[in-house]
Amino acid sequence: MEKNAIEKRLQEILLPVFGLTSTDEIPIEASLVNDIGADSLDFVEIVYLIEQTFSVVIKPGELAGGGTEQNTDDFFAEGRLTASGAQAIKDHFADGSDRIKEGMTKIELFRSISVADLAEIIQRRIVS
């Protein structure tokens, strides 16, 4: 399944989660938390919908690490993203994810996850 198709399908399944009526209200590059307002309960529903729709299991803790199967605790020192951790996460995203910066906290990283990021993680899981 191509990333564009995954992105479109994600936009569709996210509509009821956020009480929206048009996929135009969920831009692909929008942060689910910072821009659309997702909370922890929304992410439980989003992860469930991804599993049901795409037959892919994503653990919530994996999201902050870009879907990498590595232990993301190794990416942090004293609660902040290390340079090598930032690079490891960036390497998992086709766009290079310039928004991922050394020094970010796990919460800041999690809050930056976009629809495009989710689509990329899903695409990798479908292919694997």
C-alpha atoms as a PDB file:
ATOM      1  CA  MET A   1       0.000   0.000   0.000  1.00  0.00           C
ATOM      2  CA  GLU A   2       1.413   3.381  -0.985  1.00  0.00           C
ATOM      3  CA  LYS A   3       2.012   6.062   1.627  1.00  0.00           C
ATOM      4  CA  ASN A   4      -0.466   8.482  -0.018  1.00  0.00           C
ATOM      5  CA  ALA A   5      -3.232   5.874   0.201  1.00  0.00           C
ATOM      6  CA  ILE A   6      -2.368   5.199   3.838  1.00  0.00           C
ATOM      7  CA  GLU A   7      -2.413   8.940   4.606  1.00  0.00           C
ATOM      8  CA  LYS A   8      -5.853   9.348   3.002  1.00  0.00           C
ATOM      9  CA  ARG A   9      -7.241   6.349   4.870  1.00  0.00           C
ATOM     10  CA  LEU A  10      -5.780   7.648   8.141  1.00  0.00           C
ATOM     11  CA  GLN A  11      -7.447  11.011   7.598  1.00  0.00           C
ATOM     12  CA  GLU A  12     -10.761   9.200   7.097  1.00  0.00           C
ATOM     13  CA  ILE A  13     -10.520   7.027  10.203  1.00  0.00           C
ATOM     14  CA  LEU A  14      -9.415  10.001  12.329  1.00  0.00           C
ATOM     15  CA  LEU A  15     -12.518  12.074  11.528  1.00  0.00           C
ATOM     16  CA  PRO A  16     -14.773  10.524  14.206  1.00  0.00           C
ATOM     17  CA  VAL A  17     -11.929  10.498  16.766  1.00  0.00           C
ATOM     18  CA  PHE A  18     -11.745  14.295  16.591  1.00  0.00           C
ATOM     19  CA  GLY A  19     -15.416  14.914  15.779  1.00  0.00           C
ATOM     20  CA  LEU A  20     -14.544  16.411  12.398  1.00  0.00           C
ATOM     21  CA  THR A  21     -16.473  16.177   9.143  1.00  0.00           C
ATOM     22  CA  SER A  22     -13.868  16.726   6.418  1.00  0.00           C
ATOM     23  CA  THR A  23     -10.437  15.253   5.825  1.00  0.00           C
ATOM     24  CA  ASP A  24      -9.362  18.798   4.912  1.00  0.00           C
ATOM     25  CA  GLU A  25      -9.511  19.506   8.652  1.00  0.00           C
ATOM     26  CA  ILE A  26      -6.719  16.954   9.218  1.00  0.00           C
ATOM     27  CA  PRO A  27      -3.693  18.113   7.206  1.00  0.00           C
ATOM     28  CA  ILE A  28      -1.123  15.383   6.580  1.00  0.00           C
ATOM     29  CA  GLU A  29       1.688  17.359   8.235  1.00  0.00           C
ATOM     30  CA  ALA A  30      -0.436  18.417  11.219  1.00  0.00           C
ATOM     31  CA  SER A  31       0.716  17.266  14.627  1.00  0.00           C
ATOM     32  CA  LEU A  32      -1.992  15.103  16.136  1.00  0.00           C
ATOM     33  CA  VAL A  33      -1.440  16.652  19.562  1.00  0.00           C
ATOM     34  CA  ASN A  34      -0.164  20.187  18.979  1.00  0.00           C
ATOM     35  CA  ASP A  35      -2.326  21.025  15.947  1.00  0.00           C
ATOM     36  CA  ILE A  36      -5.402  18.792  16.184  1.00  0.00           C
ATOM     37  CA  GLY A  37      -5.630  18.376  19.944  1.00  0.00           C
ATOM     38  CA  ALA A  38      -5.318  14.616  20.478  1.00  0.00           C
ATOM     39  CA  ASP A  39      -5.106  13.457  24.070  1.00  0.00           C
ATOM     40  CA  SER A  40      -4.044  10.118  25.553  1.00  0.00           C
ATOM     41  CA  LEU A  41      -7.508   8.592  25.182  1.00  0.00           C
ATOM     42  CA  ASP A  42      -7.546   9.632  21.528  1.00  0.00           C
ATOM     43  CA  PHE A  43      -4.268   7.793  20.998  1.00  0.00           C
ATOM     44  CA  VAL A  44      -5.715   4.626  22.495  1.00  0.00           C
ATOM     45  CA  GLU A  45      -8.527   4.875  19.941  1.00  0.00           C
ATOM     46  CA  ILE A  46      -6.134   5.803  17.109  1.00  0.00           C
ATOM     47  CA  VAL A  47      -3.876   2.811  17.814  1.00  0.00           C
ATOM     48  CA  TYR A  48      -6.959   0.540  17.913  1.00  0.00           C
ATOM     49  CA  LEU A  49      -8.275   1.947  14.616  1.00  0.00           C
ATOM     50  CA  ILE A  50      -4.873   1.484  12.969  1.00  0.00           C
ATOM     51  CA  GLU A  51      -4.825  -2.141  14.082  1.00  0.00           C
ATOM     52  CA  GLN A  52      -8.367  -2.756  12.800  1.00  0.00           C
ATOM     53  CA  THR A  53      -7.903  -0.903   9.507  1.00  0.00           C
ATOM     54  CA  PHE A  54      -4.365  -1.868   8.530  1.00  0.00           C
ATOM     55  CA  SER A  55      -3.823  -5.097  10.548  1.00  0.00           C
ATOM     56  CA  VAL A  56      -0.731  -3.494  12.056  1.00  0.00           C
ATOM     57  CA  VAL A  57       0.121  -3.367  15.746  1.00  0.00           C
ATOM     58  CA  ILE A  58       1.817  -0.205  16.981  1.00  0.00           C
ATOM     59  CA  LYS A  59       2.535   0.138  20.659  1.00  0.00           C
ATOM     60  CA  PRO A  60       1.976   3.685  21.941  1.00  0.00           C
ATOM     61  CA  GLY A  61       5.556   3.819  23.248  1.00  0.00           C
ATOM     62  CA  GLU A  62       6.876   3.143  19.747  1.00  0.00           C
ATOM     63  CA  LEU A  63       5.283   6.277  18.357  1.00  0.00           C
ATOM     64  CA  ALA A  64       7.712   8.640  20.049  1.00  0.00           C
ATOM     65  CA  GLY A  65      10.590   6.698  18.516  1.00  0.00           C
ATOM     66  CA  GLY A  66       9.292   6.961  14.983  1.00  0.00           C
ATOM     67  CA  GLY A  67       8.167   3.361  15.026  1.00  0.00           C
ATOM     68  CA  THR A  68      11.690   2.091  15.430  1.00  0.00           C
ATOM     69  CA  GLU A  69      11.927  -1.270  17.110  1.00  0.00           C
ATOM     70  CA  GLN A  70      15.007  -0.148  19.023  1.00  0.00           C
ATOM     71  CA  ASN A  71      14.739   0.631  22.716  1.00  0.00           C
ATOM     72  CA  THR A  72      13.992   4.349  22.587  1.00  0.00           C
ATOM     73  CA  ASP A  73      15.277   4.760  26.148  1.00  0.00           C
ATOM     74  CA  ASP A  74      18.731   4.535  24.567  1.00  0.00           C
ATOM     75  CA  PHE A  75      17.913   7.693  22.576  1.00  0.00           C
ATOM     76  CA  PHE A  76      17.676   9.815  25.715  1.00  0.00           C
ATOM     77  CA  ALA A  77      20.090  10.992  28.376  1.00  0.00           C
ATOM     78  CA  GLU A  78      18.780  12.780  31.451  1.00  0.00           C
ATOM     79  CA  GLY A  79      15.327  12.912  29.854  1.00  0.00           C
ATOM     80  CA  ARG A  80      16.519  14.676  26.690  1.00  0.00           C
ATOM     81  CA  LEU A  81      16.967  13.361  23.161  1.00  0.00           C
ATOM     82  CA  THR A  82      20.637  12.854  22.341  1.00  0.00           C
ATOM     83  CA  ALA A  83      22.174  13.810  18.990  1.00  0.00           C
ATOM     84  CA  SER A  84      22.488  10.143  18.026  1.00  0.00           C
ATOM     85  CA  GLY A  85      18.928   9.466  19.190  1.00  0.00           C
ATOM     86  CA  ALA A  86      17.597  12.363  17.122  1.00  0.00           C
ATOM     87  CA  GLN A  87      19.488  11.077  14.088  1.00  0.00           C
ATOM     88  CA  ALA A  88      18.189   7.519  14.608  1.00  0.00           C
ATOM     89  CA  ILE A  89      14.603   8.776  14.641  1.00  0.00           C
ATOM     90  CA  LYS A  90      15.168  11.088  11.662  1.00  0.00           C
ATOM     91  CA  ASP A  91      16.565   8.130   9.726  1.00  0.00           C
ATOM     92  CA  HIS A  92      13.173   6.443  10.079  1.00  0.00           C
ATOM     93  CA  PHE A  93      11.342   9.242   8.278  1.00  0.00           C
ATOM     94  CA  ALA A  94      11.654   9.933   4.543  1.00  0.00           C
ATOM     95  CA  ASP A  95      11.324  13.689   5.019  1.00  0.00           C
ATOM     96  CA  GLY A  96      14.246  13.804   7.452  1.00  0.00           C
ATOM     97  CA  SER A  97      11.922  15.207  10.100  1.00  0.00           C
ATOM     98  CA  ASP A  98      13.640  18.534  10.669  1.00  0.00           C
ATOM     99  CA  ARG A  99      11.320  19.143  13.602  1.00  0.00           C
ATOM    100  CA  ILE A 100      13.110  16.416  15.582  1.00  0.00           C
ATOM    101  CA  LYS A 101      15.901  18.092  17.501  1.00  0.00           C
ATOM    102  CA  GLU A 102      18.508  17.102  20.019  1.00  0.00           C
ATOM    103  CA  GLY A 103      17.368  18.079  23.501  1.00  0.00           C
ATOM    104  CA  MET A 104      13.666  17.333  23.003  1.00  0.00           C
ATOM    105  CA  THR A 105      11.856  15.497  25.783  1.00  0.00           C
ATOM    106  CA  LYS A 106       9.825  12.337  25.122  1.00  0.00           C
ATOM    107  CA  ILE A 107       6.667  14.384  25.583  1.00  0.00           C
ATOM    108  CA  GLU A 108       7.775  17.007  23.053  1.00  0.00           C
ATOM    109  CA  LEU A 109       8.679  14.272  20.596  1.00  0.00           C
ATOM    110  CA  PHE A 110       5.357  12.483  21.090  1.00  0.00           C
ATOM    111  CA  ARG A 111       3.435  15.747  20.716  1.00  0.00           C
ATOM    112  CA  SER A 112       5.039  16.312  17.299  1.00  0.00           C
ATOM    113  CA  ILE A 113       3.766  13.080  15.679  1.00  0.00           C
ATOM    114  CA  SER A 114       1.858  13.829  12.484  1.00  0.00           C
ATOM    115  CA  VAL A 115      -0.514  11.925  10.213  1.00  0.00           C
ATOM    116  CA  ALA A 116       2.389  11.580   7.750  1.00  0.00           C
ATOM    117  CA  ASP A 117       4.556  10.060  10.500  1.00  0.00           C
ATOM    118  CA  LEU A 118       1.865   7.517  11.342  1.00  0.00           C
ATOM    119  CA  ALA A 119       1.451   6.661   7.660  1.00  0.00           C
ATOM    120  CA  GLU A 120       5.169   6.065   7.317  1.00  0.00           C
ATOM    121  CA  ILE A 121       5.239   3.810  10.378  1.00  0.00           C
ATOM    122  CA  ILE A 122       2.236   1.860   9.086  1.00  0.00           C
ATOM    123  CA  GLN A 123       3.746   1.512   5.626  1.00  0.00           C
ATOM    124  CA  ARG A 124       6.949   0.051   7.076  1.00  0.00           C
ATOM    125  CA  ARG A 125       4.943  -2.426   9.163  1.00  0.00           C
ATOM    126  CA  ILE A 126       2.841  -3.512   6.187  1.00  0.00           C
ATOM    127  CA  VAL A 127       5.959  -4.118   4.090  1.00  0.00           C
ATOM    128  CA  SER A 128       7.864  -5.981   6.854  1.00  0.00           C
END
